[in-house]
Protein backbone atom coordinates (compact mmCIF):
# COMPACT_ATOMS: atom_id res chain seq x y z
CA UNK A 1 0.00 0.08 -0.04
CA UNK A 2 1.43 3.38 -0.92
CA UNK A 3 2.74 5.34 2.07
CA UNK A 4 2.90 2.33 4.38
CA UNK A 5 6.17 1.96 6.24
CA UNK A 6 6.60 -1.36 8.10
CA UNK A 7 8.24 -1.22 11.57
CA UNK A 8 11.96 -1.76 11.23
CA UNK A 9 13.54 -5.15 11.78
CA UNK A 10 16.74 -5.61 13.92
CA UNK A 11 18.37 -9.08 14.26
CA UNK A 12 15.19 -10.77 13.18
CA UNK A 13 13.20 -8.99 15.74
CA UNK A 14 10.21 -6.75 14.56
CA UNK A 15 10.15 -3.52 16.59
CA UNK A 16 7.15 -1.36 17.05
CA UNK A 17 7.29 2.41 16.87
CA UNK A 18 4.34 2.65 19.29
CA UNK A 19 5.02 2.47 23.02
CA UNK A 20 3.62 -0.44 24.83
CA UNK A 21 0.97 0.01 27.55
CA UNK A 22 2.65 0.74 31.04
CA UNK A 23 2.58 -2.54 33.08
CA UNK A 24 5.46 -2.14 35.64
CA UNK A 25 7.53 0.57 37.32
CA UNK A 26 11.33 0.43 37.76
CA UNK A 27 13.76 2.56 39.72
CA UNK A 28 17.16 3.18 38.23
CA UNK A 29 20.22 5.24 39.23
CA UNK A 30 21.44 8.28 37.23
CA UNK A 31 23.99 7.26 34.59
CA UNK A 32 22.83 3.70 34.24
CA UNK A 33 24.44 1.75 31.46
CA UNK A 34 22.43 0.26 28.48
CA UNK A 35 23.37 -3.25 29.67
CA UNK A 36 21.96 -2.71 33.23
CA UNK A 37 18.81 -0.93 31.95
CA UNK A 38 18.12 -3.82 29.56
CA UNK A 39 18.27 -6.11 32.62
CA UNK A 40 15.88 -3.88 34.63
CA UNK A 41 13.42 -3.88 31.66
CA UNK A 42 13.86 -7.58 31.10
CA UNK A 43 14.57 -7.08 27.48
CA UNK A 44 17.58 -8.08 25.23
CA UNK A 45 20.40 -5.46 25.01
CA UNK A 46 20.25 -5.52 21.23
CA UNK A 47 16.55 -4.64 21.26
CA UNK A 48 17.19 -1.75 23.50
CA UNK A 49 20.09 -0.53 21.27
CA UNK A 50 17.73 -0.84 18.19
CA UNK A 51 15.10 1.30 19.91
CA UNK A 52 17.66 3.85 20.75
CA UNK A 53 18.82 3.91 17.20
CA UNK A 54 15.19 4.59 16.06
CA UNK A 55 15.41 7.68 18.18
CA UNK A 56 18.72 8.68 16.64
CA UNK A 57 20.86 7.82 19.68
CA UNK A 58 23.97 5.72 18.84
CA UNK A 59 25.27 3.76 21.91
CA UNK A 60 27.11 0.82 23.08
CA UNK A 61 26.02 -1.64 25.78
CA UNK A 62 28.46 -0.23 28.32
CA UNK A 63 27.51 3.46 27.74
CA UNK A 64 25.60 5.42 30.34
CA UNK A 65 22.31 7.12 29.56
CA UNK A 66 20.74 10.45 30.59
CA UNK A 67 17.75 10.34 32.92
CA UNK A 68 15.16 11.69 30.34
CA UNK A 69 16.27 9.34 27.71
CA UNK A 70 15.93 6.45 30.14
CA UNK A 71 12.42 7.48 31.01
CA UNK A 72 11.54 7.85 27.36
CA UNK A 73 12.96 4.43 26.28
CA UNK A 74 11.45 2.66 29.33
CA UNK A 75 7.95 3.87 28.29
CA UNK A 76 8.67 2.27 24.90
CA UNK A 77 8.88 -1.02 26.55
CA UNK A 78 5.97 -0.52 28.91
CA UNK A 79 7.71 0.64 32.07
CA UNK A 80 7.44 3.82 34.12
CA UNK A 81 11.06 4.59 35.19
CA UNK A 82 12.02 6.69 38.20
CA UNK A 83 15.64 7.99 38.03
CA UNK A 84 17.29 8.63 41.38
CA UNK A 85 20.74 10.04 42.26
CA UNK A 86 23.61 7.96 43.45
CA UNK A 87 23.19 9.39 46.97
CA UNK A 88 19.49 8.41 47.02
CA UNK A 89 20.40 4.92 45.91
CA UNK A 90 22.98 4.39 48.60
CA UNK A 91 20.57 5.79 51.17
CA UNK A 92 17.94 3.28 50.12
CA UNK A 93 20.48 0.44 50.24
CA UNK A 94 21.48 1.54 53.78
CA UNK A 95 17.74 1.64 54.87
CA UNK A 96 17.27 -1.93 53.35
CA UNK A 97 20.30 -3.16 55.08
CA UNK A 98 19.27 -1.71 58.37
CA UNK A 99 15.73 -3.31 58.13
CA UNK A 100 17.33 -6.60 57.19
CA UNK A 101 19.76 -6.68 60.07
CA UNK A 102 19.43 -4.23 62.88
CA UNK A 103 22.05 -5.83 65.13
CA UNK A 104 25.34 -3.90 65.04
CA UNK A 105 23.82 -0.97 63.16
CA UNK A 106 22.60 1.04 66.11
CA UNK A 107 22.38 5.01 65.66
CA UNK A 108 24.60 6.91 68.05
CA UNK A 109 24.44 10.45 69.24
CA UNK A 110 26.67 12.60 67.02
CA UNK A 111 28.28 15.96 67.68
CA UNK A 112 26.41 19.05 66.50
CA UNK A 113 27.70 20.88 63.32
CA UNK A 114 27.61 24.61 63.87
CA UNK A 115 27.88 27.28 61.31
CA UNK A 116 29.11 30.67 62.45
CA UNK A 117 27.51 33.48 60.47
CA UNK A 118 27.24 37.26 60.66
CA UNK A 119 28.30 40.59 59.32
CA UNK A 120 31.86 41.27 58.24
CA UNK A 121 34.08 42.33 61.12
CA UNK A 122 31.63 41.36 63.87
CA UNK A 123 34.13 38.94 65.23
CA UNK A 124 33.17 35.61 63.95
CA UNK A 125 36.70 34.23 63.48
CA UNK A 126 37.92 35.97 66.71
CA UNK A 127 35.17 34.14 68.52
CA UNK A 128 36.25 30.83 67.29
CA UNK A 129 39.80 31.70 67.96
CA UNK A 130 38.79 32.33 71.48
CA UNK A 131 37.01 28.96 71.68
CA UNK A 132 39.93 27.00 69.97
CA UNK A 133 42.65 29.07 71.75
CA UNK A 134 44.33 29.60 68.47
CA UNK A 135 44.86 32.58 66.24
CA UNK A 136 43.39 32.04 62.80
CA UNK A 137 42.39 35.77 62.26
CA UNK A 138 45.97 36.93 62.44
CA UNK A 139 46.80 34.90 59.24
CA UNK A 140 43.88 36.24 57.29
CA UNK A 141 44.44 39.24 54.91
CA UNK A 142 43.05 42.30 56.37
CA UNK A 143 41.52 40.22 59.22
CA UNK A 144 38.75 38.94 56.90
CA UNK A 145 38.06 35.21 56.62
CA UNK A 146 38.72 34.22 52.99
CA UNK A 147 37.37 30.64 52.92
CA UNK A 148 35.63 28.11 54.99
CA UNK A 149 37.36 26.23 57.75
CA UNK A 150 36.07 23.30 59.85
CA UNK A 151 37.19 22.69 63.43
CA UNK A 152 36.16 20.16 66.11
CA UNK A 153 36.34 21.60 69.51
CA UNK A 154 36.19 19.54 72.74
CA UNK A 155 34.78 21.13 75.91
CA UNK A 156 37.84 21.07 78.24
CA UNK A 157 36.46 22.88 81.18
CA UNK A 158 36.27 20.14 83.93
CA UNK A 159 33.47 21.87 85.95
CA UNK A 160 31.21 22.28 82.77
CA UNK A 161 28.23 19.91 82.51
CA UNK A 162 29.21 19.43 78.79
CA UNK A 163 32.77 18.37 79.70
CA UNK A 164 34.30 16.07 77.14
CA UNK A 165 31.62 16.74 74.48
CA UNK A 166 32.47 17.93 71.05
CA UNK A 167 31.24 20.53 68.71
CA UNK A 168 32.09 20.92 64.99
CA UNK A 169 32.37 24.47 63.93
CA UNK A 170 32.12 25.77 60.35
CA UNK A 171 33.63 29.19 60.00
CA UNK A 172 32.16 30.96 56.94
CA UNK A 173 33.35 34.20 55.51
CA UNK A 174 31.22 37.38 56.25
CA UNK A 175 31.65 39.40 53.01
CA UNK A 176 28.52 39.48 50.68
CA UNK A 177 30.52 37.95 47.82
CA UNK A 178 30.73 34.63 49.71
CA UNK A 179 26.89 34.48 49.80
CA UNK A 180 26.85 31.11 48.03
CA UNK A 181 29.47 29.64 50.45
CA UNK A 182 27.39 30.80 53.35
CA UNK A 183 24.29 29.29 51.87
CA UNK A 184 26.05 26.08 51.31
CA UNK A 185 27.34 26.16 54.99
CA UNK A 186 23.80 26.52 56.25
CA UNK A 187 22.45 23.56 54.34
CA UNK A 188 24.95 21.14 55.93
CA UNK A 189 24.58 22.54 59.39
CA UNK A 190 22.53 21.60 62.50
CA UNK A 191 22.67 24.99 64.39
CA UNK A 192 23.50 28.42 63.17
CA UNK A 193 25.27 30.80 65.50
CA UNK A 194 24.63 34.37 64.37
CA UNK A 195 27.26 36.77 65.65
CA UNK A 196 26.05 40.31 66.02
CA UNK A 197 28.40 43.14 67.43
CA UNK A 198 26.92 44.76 70.52
CA UNK A 199 28.18 48.22 69.45
CA UNK A 200 27.10 47.89 65.80
CA UNK A 201 23.84 46.08 65.88
CA UNK A 202 21.99 44.21 63.11
CA UNK A 203 23.60 44.85 59.66
CA UNK A 204 22.80 43.68 56.11
CA UNK A 205 24.87 40.46 56.33
CA UNK A 206 23.39 39.68 59.64
CA UNK A 207 19.87 39.72 57.99
CA UNK A 208 21.29 37.57 55.17
CA UNK A 209 22.64 34.93 57.71
CA UNK A 210 19.25 34.83 59.28
CA UNK A 211 17.65 34.31 55.95
CA UNK A 212 20.07 31.43 55.11
CA UNK A 213 19.41 29.81 58.52
CA UNK A 214 15.66 30.00 58.12
CA UNK A 215 15.94 28.58 54.56
CA UNK A 216 17.84 25.56 55.83
CA UNK A 217 15.41 25.17 58.74
CA UNK A 218 18.29 25.43 61.16
CA UNK A 219 17.71 26.66 64.76
CA UNK A 220 19.51 30.02 65.46
CA UNK A 221 21.59 30.95 68.56
CA UNK A 222 22.52 34.67 68.71
CA UNK A 223 25.99 35.46 70.05
CA UNK A 224 26.14 39.16 70.98
CA UNK A 225 29.83 39.84 70.72
CA UNK A 226 32.09 42.78 71.71
CA UNK A 227 30.48 43.15 75.09
CA UNK A 228 33.89 44.61 76.35
CA UNK A 229 33.22 47.72 74.34
CA UNK A 230 32.14 50.83 76.25
CA UNK A 231 29.31 51.53 73.93
CA UNK A 232 28.04 47.96 73.80
CA UNK A 233 24.29 47.78 73.87
CA UNK A 234 22.82 44.27 73.79
CA UNK A 235 19.23 45.37 74.38
CA UNK A 236 19.37 47.32 71.08
CA UNK A 237 20.58 44.13 69.28
CA UNK A 238 17.62 42.16 70.81
CA UNK A 239 15.19 44.92 69.89
CA UNK A 240 16.49 45.15 66.22
CA UNK A 241 16.22 41.29 65.93
CA UNK A 242 12.47 41.46 66.44
CA UNK A 243 11.93 43.11 63.15
CA UNK A 244 13.44 39.97 61.53
CA UNK A 245 11.18 37.53 63.36
CA UNK A 246 13.90 36.61 65.90
CA UNK A 247 12.40 36.78 69.40
CA UNK A 248 14.99 36.02 72.04
CA UNK A 249 14.19 34.30 75.28
CA UNK A 250 14.38 37.58 77.32
CA UNK A 251 11.51 38.98 75.23
CA UNK A 252 9.35 35.82 75.55
CA UNK A 253 10.66 33.99 72.57
CA UNK A 254 12.54 30.74 72.03
CA UNK A 255 15.82 31.92 70.48
CA UNK A 256 18.74 31.55 72.79
CA UNK A 257 21.11 34.48 72.93
CA UNK A 258 24.45 34.69 74.75
CA UNK A 259 26.51 37.86 75.55
CA UNK A 260 30.18 37.12 74.81
CA UNK A 261 33.47 38.92 74.29
CA UNK A 262 36.09 37.19 71.97
CA UNK A 263 38.63 39.70 73.08
CA UNK A 264 38.23 39.05 76.89
CA UNK A 265 37.21 35.39 76.38
CA UNK A 266 34.00 35.78 78.53
CA UNK A 267 30.66 34.03 78.02
CA UNK A 268 32.26 31.26 75.82
CA UNK A 269 31.24 28.38 78.09
CA UNK A 270 27.70 29.62 78.11
CA UNK A 271 27.71 29.73 74.27
CA UNK A 272 28.93 26.16 74.22
CA UNK A 273 26.38 25.04 76.71
CA UNK A 274 23.58 26.79 74.69
CA UNK A 275 24.76 24.94 71.53
CA UNK A 276 24.82 21.55 73.33
CA UNK A 277 21.35 22.31 74.94
CA UNK A 278 20.08 23.03 71.39
CA UNK A 279 21.71 19.75 70.13
CA UNK A 280 19.94 17.74 72.87
CA UNK A 281 16.56 19.19 71.73
CA UNK A 282 17.40 18.27 68.13
CA UNK A 283 18.35 14.70 69.29
CA UNK A 284 21.07 14.30 66.61
CA UNK A 285 21.69 10.72 65.67
CA UNK A 286 23.67 8.97 62.98
CA UNK A 287 24.50 5.35 62.02
CA UNK A 288 28.32 4.95 61.92
CA UNK A 289 28.11 1.26 60.52
CA UNK A 290 27.46 2.08 56.96
CA UNK A 291 29.30 3.62 53.89
CA UNK A 292 30.13 7.27 54.51
CA UNK A 293 28.13 10.10 53.01
CA UNK A 294 28.51 13.76 53.47
CA UNK A 295 29.55 17.11 51.73
CA UNK A 296 32.74 18.75 50.36
CA UNK A 297 33.19 21.88 52.53
CA UNK A 298 36.26 23.08 50.67
CA UNK A 299 38.69 21.97 47.95
CA UNK A 300 42.01 23.18 46.65
CA UNK A 301 44.95 22.00 44.58
CA UNK A 302 48.08 21.52 46.91
CA UNK A 303 51.51 21.75 45.04
CA UNK A 304 52.84 18.75 47.04
CA UNK A 305 49.82 16.66 47.72
CA UNK A 306 47.57 17.10 44.72
CA UNK A 307 43.82 17.63 44.96
CA UNK A 308 42.77 18.09 48.65
CA UNK A 309 39.17 18.12 49.71
CA UNK A 310 37.88 19.12 53.13
CA UNK A 311 34.77 17.02 53.72
CA UNK A 312 32.12 16.76 56.42
CA UNK A 313 31.05 13.18 57.10
CA UNK A 314 27.33 13.40 57.87
CA UNK A 315 26.45 9.53 57.85
CA UNK A 316 28.52 6.35 58.13
CA UNK A 317 32.18 6.13 58.66
CA UNK A 318 34.92 7.09 56.11
CA UNK A 319 37.96 5.00 56.09
CA UNK A 320 41.42 5.26 54.37
CA UNK A 321 41.26 3.05 51.32
CA UNK A 322 37.54 3.81 50.64
CA UNK A 323 36.57 4.68 47.04
CA UNK A 324 34.55 7.96 46.95
CA UNK A 325 32.74 10.02 44.39
CA UNK A 326 32.67 13.68 45.13
CA UNK A 327 30.48 15.62 42.63
CA UNK A 328 31.95 14.69 39.29
CA UNK A 329 35.37 13.53 40.68
CA UNK A 330 36.41 10.27 42.14
CA UNK A 331 39.37 8.61 43.83
CA UNK A 332 40.54 6.35 46.54
CA UNK A 333 41.21 7.94 50.06
CA UNK A 334 45.06 7.64 50.36
CA UNK A 335 45.22 9.72 53.60
CA UNK A 336 42.96 11.65 55.95
CA UNK A 337 43.96 14.54 58.23
CA UNK A 338 41.98 16.12 61.11
CA UNK A 339 41.71 19.99 61.54
CA UNK A 340 45.06 19.93 63.39
CA UNK A 341 46.86 18.19 60.47
CA UNK A 342 47.14 14.78 62.34
CA UNK A 343 46.62 11.64 60.22
CA UNK A 344 43.34 9.58 60.81
CA UNK A 345 42.46 6.08 59.82
CA UNK A 346 38.67 6.53 60.06
CA UNK A 347 36.23 9.39 60.56
CA UNK A 348 32.71 8.92 61.89
CA UNK A 349 29.57 11.04 61.66
CA UNK A 350 30.17 14.89 62.22
CA UNK A 351 33.79 14.62 61.46
CA UNK A 352 35.47 17.27 59.29
CA UNK A 353 38.55 15.84 57.66
CA UNK A 354 40.96 16.74 54.76
CA UNK A 355 40.93 13.84 52.16
CA UNK A 356 43.86 13.06 49.74
CA UNK A 357 43.47 10.82 46.75
CA UNK A 358 40.89 12.45 44.48
CA UNK A 359 41.66 12.49 40.72
CA UNK A 360 40.90 16.19 40.48
CA UNK A 361 39.51 19.13 42.67
CA UNK A 362 35.80 18.76 43.29
CA UNK A 363 33.52 21.69 43.52
CA UNK A 364 32.92 22.88 47.11
CA UNK A 365 29.42 22.11 48.24
CA UNK A 366 29.13 18.91 46.25
CA UNK A 367 27.93 15.73 47.98
CA UNK A 368 30.25 12.86 48.40
CA UNK A 369 29.52 9.09 48.76
CA UNK A 370 31.59 5.92 49.14
CA UNK A 371 30.85 3.42 46.42
CA UNK A 372 31.65 -0.31 46.15
CA UNK A 373 34.39 -0.38 43.46
CA UNK A 374 36.39 1.65 41.00
CA UNK A 375 34.40 0.71 38.01
CA UNK A 376 31.25 2.16 39.62
CA UNK A 377 32.99 5.25 40.67
CA UNK A 378 34.41 5.89 37.23
CA UNK A 379 31.08 5.21 35.63
CA UNK A 380 29.38 7.91 37.91
CA UNK A 381 32.23 10.32 37.46
CA UNK A 382 32.17 10.09 33.61
CA UNK A 383 28.39 10.51 33.52
CA UNK A 384 28.45 13.58 35.69
CA UNK A 385 31.39 15.11 33.83
CA UNK A 386 29.57 14.58 30.49
CA UNK A 387 26.45 16.26 31.94
CA UNK A 388 28.60 19.27 33.06
CA UNK A 389 30.21 19.51 29.62
CA UNK A 390 27.00 19.38 27.81
CA UNK A 391 25.60 22.15 30.11
CA UNK A 392 28.57 24.26 29.57
CA UNK A 393 28.34 23.84 25.82
CA UNK A 394 24.60 24.68 25.92
CA UNK A 395 25.34 27.83 27.86
CA UNK A 396 28.20 28.77 25.55
CA UNK A 397 26.04 28.28 22.46
CA UNK A 398 23.16 30.24 23.98
CA UNK A 399 25.45 33.02 24.88
CA UNK A 400 27.13 33.23 21.50
CA UNK A 401 23.96 32.89 19.38
CA UNK A 402 24.51 32.13 15.69
CA UNK A 403 27.64 33.04 13.80
CA UNK A 404 25.72 35.52 11.72
CA UNK A 405 24.35 37.20 14.84
CA UNK A 406 27.75 37.37 16.39
CA UNK A 407 29.33 38.89 13.38
CA UNK A 408 26.45 41.46 13.08
CA UNK A 409 27.08 42.47 16.73
CA UNK A 410 30.75 42.87 16.10
CA UNK A 411 30.19 44.92 13.00
CA UNK A 412 27.69 47.09 14.89
CA UNK A 413 30.13 47.59 17.70
CA UNK A 414 27.73 45.97 20.13
CA UNK A 415 29.97 43.05 21.19
CA UNK A 416 31.85 44.54 24.03
CA UNK A 417 33.02 42.40 26.80
CA UNK A 418 35.63 42.03 29.58
CA UNK A 419 37.11 38.45 29.69
CA UNK A 420 38.46 37.38 32.99
CA UNK A 421 40.41 34.25 34.02
CA UNK A 422 40.28 33.51 37.72
CA UNK A 423 42.78 31.40 39.78
CA UNK A 424 42.44 31.11 43.42
CA UNK A 425 43.95 29.25 46.44
CA UNK A 426 40.69 27.35 47.10
CA UNK A 427 37.52 26.37 45.18
CA UNK A 428 35.14 28.32 47.36
CA UNK A 429 37.11 31.52 46.80
CA UNK A 430 37.20 30.90 43.00
CA UNK A 431 33.42 30.61 43.00
CA UNK A 432 32.85 33.67 45.25
CA UNK A 433 35.14 35.83 42.99
CA UNK A 434 33.34 34.47 39.90
CA UNK A 435 29.98 35.60 41.48
CA UNK A 436 31.43 38.99 42.39
CA UNK A 437 32.96 39.44 38.90
CA UNK A 438 29.79 38.60 36.97
CA UNK A 439 27.83 41.09 39.18
CA UNK A 440 29.86 43.86 37.59
CA UNK A 441 28.32 43.32 34.18
CA UNK A 442 26.80 46.28 32.40
CA UNK A 443 23.98 46.51 29.89
CA UNK A 444 26.50 47.41 27.26
CA UNK A 445 29.45 45.33 28.38
CA UNK A 446 29.37 41.76 29.06
CA UNK A 447 31.65 40.08 31.71
CA UNK A 448 32.74 36.60 30.68
CA UNK A 449 34.67 34.35 33.10
CA UNK A 450 36.80 31.94 30.95
CA UNK A 451 37.90 29.82 33.80
CA UNK A 452 37.49 29.86 37.65
CA UNK A 453 40.09 27.27 38.99
CA UNK A 454 42.44 26.66 41.80
CA UNK A 455 46.22 26.50 41.93
CA UNK A 456 49.15 28.65 40.69
CA UNK A 457 48.92 30.41 37.29
CA UNK A 458 50.64 28.20 34.59
CA UNK A 459 51.75 28.97 31.01
CA UNK A 460 48.41 27.31 29.66
CA UNK A 461 46.49 29.99 31.72
CA UNK A 462 48.55 32.66 29.98
CA UNK A 463 47.98 31.16 26.55
CA UNK A 464 44.26 31.10 27.26
CA UNK A 465 44.15 34.54 28.44
CA UNK A 466 46.27 35.80 25.48
CA UNK A 467 43.96 34.02 22.98
CA UNK A 468 40.85 35.65 24.51
CA UNK A 469 42.32 38.98 25.30
CA UNK A 470 41.47 38.30 29.01
CA UNK A 471 42.93 39.67 32.23
CA UNK A 472 43.97 37.12 34.99
CA UNK A 473 42.64 37.62 38.58
CA UNK A 474 44.99 35.86 41.04
CA UNK A 475 43.62 35.42 44.52
CA UNK A 476 46.21 34.30 47.07
CA UNK A 477 48.08 32.41 44.30
CA UNK A 478 51.22 33.33 42.26
CA UNK A 479 52.38 32.61 38.71
CA UNK A 480 55.21 30.33 37.82
CA UNK A 481 58.41 32.00 36.59
CA UNK A 482 57.71 30.67 33.17
CA UNK A 483 54.20 31.88 33.26
CA UNK A 484 55.42 35.40 34.46
CA UNK A 485 57.87 35.56 31.54
CA UNK A 486 55.38 34.45 29.03
CA UNK A 487 52.79 37.03 30.40
CA UNK A 488 55.34 39.88 30.19
CA UNK A 489 56.30 38.85 26.58
CA UNK A 490 52.60 38.60 25.41
CA UNK A 491 51.30 41.61 27.34
CA UNK A 492 48.80 39.49 29.49
CA UNK A 493 47.60 41.52 32.54
CA UNK A 494 47.94 39.46 35.81
CA UNK A 495 46.32 41.14 38.91
CA UNK A 496 47.24 39.86 42.21
CA UNK A 497 44.72 40.02 45.22
CA UNK A 498 44.42 38.98 48.73
CA UNK A 499 41.21 40.78 49.74
CA UNK A 500 37.91 40.41 47.64
CA UNK A 501 36.79 44.04 47.92
CA UNK A 502 39.60 45.01 45.67
CA UNK A 503 38.68 42.47 43.05
CA UNK A 504 35.17 43.97 42.77
CA UNK A 505 36.37 47.51 42.65
CA UNK A 506 38.97 46.81 39.88
CA UNK A 507 36.57 44.82 37.68
CA UNK A 508 33.94 47.59 37.90
CA UNK A 509 36.58 50.04 36.70
CA UNK A 510 37.58 47.74 33.82
CA UNK A 511 33.91 47.45 32.82
CA UNK A 512 33.15 51.15 33.03
CA UNK A 513 36.24 51.84 30.87
CA UNK A 514 34.58 50.01 28.02
CA UNK A 515 31.11 51.49 28.43
CA UNK A 516 30.48 54.12 25.70
CA UNK A 517 30.06 57.59 27.17
CA UNK A 518 26.48 58.75 27.31
CA UNK A 519 24.99 62.09 26.23
CA UNK A 520 23.37 63.75 29.30
CA UNK A 521 21.08 66.77 28.93
CA UNK A 522 21.89 69.89 31.09
CA UNK A 523 19.09 72.51 31.56
CA UNK A 524 20.10 76.03 30.70
CA UNK A 525 17.08 78.30 30.93
CA UNK A 526 13.55 79.39 29.80
CA UNK A 527 12.50 82.40 27.65
CA UNK A 528 8.96 83.56 27.01
CA UNK A 529 7.91 84.92 23.57
CA UNK A 530 6.44 88.31 23.99
CA UNK A 531 6.29 89.50 20.32
CA UNK A 532 6.73 87.94 16.91
CA UNK A 533 8.49 90.03 14.13
CA UNK A 534 8.36 89.11 10.40
CA UNK A 535 11.88 89.92 8.92
CA UNK A 536 12.26 89.74 5.11
CA UNK A 537 15.57 87.91 5.09
CA UNK A 538 15.38 85.96 8.25
CA UNK A 539 11.63 84.98 8.45
CA UNK A 540 10.00 84.98 11.79
CA UNK A 541 12.04 86.34 14.77
CA UNK A 542 10.72 86.00 18.42
CA UNK A 543 11.19 88.90 20.83
CA UNK A 544 11.64 87.24 24.17
CA UNK A 545 12.24 87.78 27.90
CA UNK A 546 14.70 85.29 29.57
CA UNK A 547 12.62 84.21 32.62
CA UNK A 548 15.04 81.59 34.05
CA UNK A 549 18.68 80.70 33.80
CA UNK A 550 20.15 81.69 30.41
CA UNK A 551 19.71 81.07 26.61
CA UNK A 552 22.73 80.34 24.53
CA UNK A 553 23.38 80.36 20.71
CA UNK A 554 24.10 76.90 19.31
CA UNK A 555 22.26 75.21 22.21
CA UNK A 556 19.31 72.77 21.78
CA UNK A 557 15.90 74.26 22.20
CA UNK A 558 12.34 73.05 22.61
CA UNK A 559 9.37 75.22 21.84
CA UNK A 560 6.46 74.64 24.42
CA UNK A 561 2.96 75.71 23.69
CA UNK A 562 0.60 75.13 26.70
CA UNK A 563 3.20 72.88 28.15
CA UNK A 564 3.37 70.66 25.07
CA UNK A 565 6.61 70.24 23.07
CA UNK A 566 5.83 71.27 19.43
CA UNK A 567 9.30 71.57 18.12
CA UNK A 568 12.85 70.54 19.01
CA UNK A 569 15.89 72.04 17.21
CA UNK A 570 18.79 74.30 17.52
CA UNK A 571 19.00 78.03 18.50
CA UNK A 572 20.61 79.48 15.37
CA UNK A 573 20.39 83.22 15.93
CA UNK A 574 20.38 85.22 19.14
CA UNK A 575 20.46 89.15 19.36
CA UNK A 576 20.40 91.84 21.94
CA UNK A 577 18.90 94.83 20.00
CA UNK A 578 20.88 94.74 16.76
CA UNK A 579 23.98 92.97 17.95
CA UNK A 580 24.56 89.18 17.74
CA UNK A 581 25.44 87.77 21.16
CA UNK A 582 26.53 84.39 22.51
CA UNK A 583 24.24 84.17 25.47
CA UNK A 584 21.51 86.20 27.33
CA UNK A 585 20.96 85.87 31.11
CA UNK A 586 17.65 85.99 33.21
CA UNK A 587 15.86 89.33 33.19
CA UNK A 588 17.19 90.57 29.81
CA UNK A 589 15.27 90.81 26.49
CA UNK A 590 16.53 89.20 23.28
CA UNK A 591 15.54 88.25 19.76
CA UNK A 592 15.91 84.70 18.64
CA UNK A 593 15.03 82.44 15.68
CA UNK A 594 15.12 78.65 15.00
CA UNK A 595 16.55 76.76 12.01
CA UNK A 596 13.84 75.59 9.66
CA UNK A 597 10.79 76.51 11.95
CA UNK A 598 8.50 79.52 11.52
CA UNK A 599 5.38 78.65 13.60
CA UNK A 600 6.08 81.12 16.47
CA UNK A 601 3.32 82.56 18.62
CA UNK A 602 3.10 85.00 21.50
CA UNK A 603 3.02 83.15 24.81
CA UNK A 604 5.16 80.12 23.64
CA UNK A 605 8.01 79.20 26.05
CA UNK A 606 11.50 78.36 24.69
CA UNK A 607 13.33 75.72 26.81
CA UNK A 608 17.07 75.94 26.19
CA UNK A 609 19.40 73.04 26.99
CA UNK A 610 22.90 71.72 26.49
CA UNK A 611 24.19 68.14 26.11
CA UNK A 612 27.49 66.75 27.66
CA UNK A 613 29.13 63.48 27.46
CA UNK A 614 29.49 61.55 30.73
CA UNK A 615 30.99 58.10 31.41
CA UNK A 616 28.44 55.24 31.02
């Protein structure tokens, strides 16, 4: 029959283009291979490959599949597929294992994880220093915390009811550019300590910290710091907190607040007791007898040790030798160090440790999980890396548009951009600087970040910057000697920073330097037409009185009739009696005429203005 196309045949099997009715449901993990999906669907691998071929997808049996494609092809075989993440799969396995055998898998009380937040320079790091009896703040540029640290503190005071118990502190930066890092900190925390200076009160980043804590459903404890200052006013702080829905206990609310002084080391034991009291209310439990799971707090590339990730173990126990997947990276744990730099063999729930052995630097904030073998780890990693590459390619394509569009923009002079390459000491700082840099974009000038990475500046970074006419922002890192020489030879601009404020200021200046200057109107004055004269050679001339400011020959004019603009042009002729003059001030009479306009009437008002070019 004309127009009839029989279903294709593959290996002797006739395949239907129509999906089968849904008869079963399956749950699969992201990045599942063709072979494993065929087993789940109970079909032959070659039939599944044939169906994918019909959809224009060319794959092998060991290739991993995207979640949407899995759902689509499963429907073809009469199955409704649910795609879960690797973390969800491991969680389900752990629950199943726990239900099968509850012996030896008892949940234990774990230490609370506390995030310290607050406005810049309100004393967060100094407060932690006082608790830890160490001096982190002295090592920070300008006294500002530049990236997240994680510290485990044991209550050492013998007469304290909490003696011997431990608290894990996450110290997050206070500057607004680290908003994403602070948000990430709140998501992995149990309790948020909001530090407010008693002499300064509630500030913008204090409000931001409260917002993050509420978004993460984390209970808040307010630490009113700098009580040693003569102008300290804790009651004012409590009053200001009311407008942000934080009602402290003294005012009939439930939020604990503790008055402390990091400088004098007073009130610290009360703060620790408040944290542990809140932890008891939360009843924090975790099962140590299961594969570890948690989050990457920070990551960096160490010259001697390679990729180093600071991770927070949230469930299970992490052991040296375990194979982990952190975001899109994987590796075997070669060594673990605690916050004091001492080696560890295992780390239980609520432990913050440095992990060595990953193949590359994972993104801060990514989840990590322990998997059964290297093959599975490699499969998950490759799948996630491919997703990241596809996403990046899609963004780049959308930003560029078609080649014709791009060429048209360049020809029209519209394609203005500042290209930046960022290298920082740790991943969190690189991300924060990237966010800061992108905020400086202007409607006329685009800011493009070519790379936001960690580690020293290498020759390949210089070559990339040169090819893209980009400047390099170096945050707490330096260029190699070869890279410095190459940068000098090729004229690549490397800018070194240790405080993030300076990055924002400099990028803003670079952007503004590329913005085309704008014409801004400057009002000069008004003149009222009192009489209209007909001059043979000149046409109509208006006899006027300057009522405000001044009128100037060559300036722009608008003719207003009953408050409505009826003409815009240039003041071509200006006279005082019979003499040509350059300008006439308020209170004087003058005669004036416009280029190519004759409809002048008594009572009309002439508005005179000038234009000046100002930076965009």
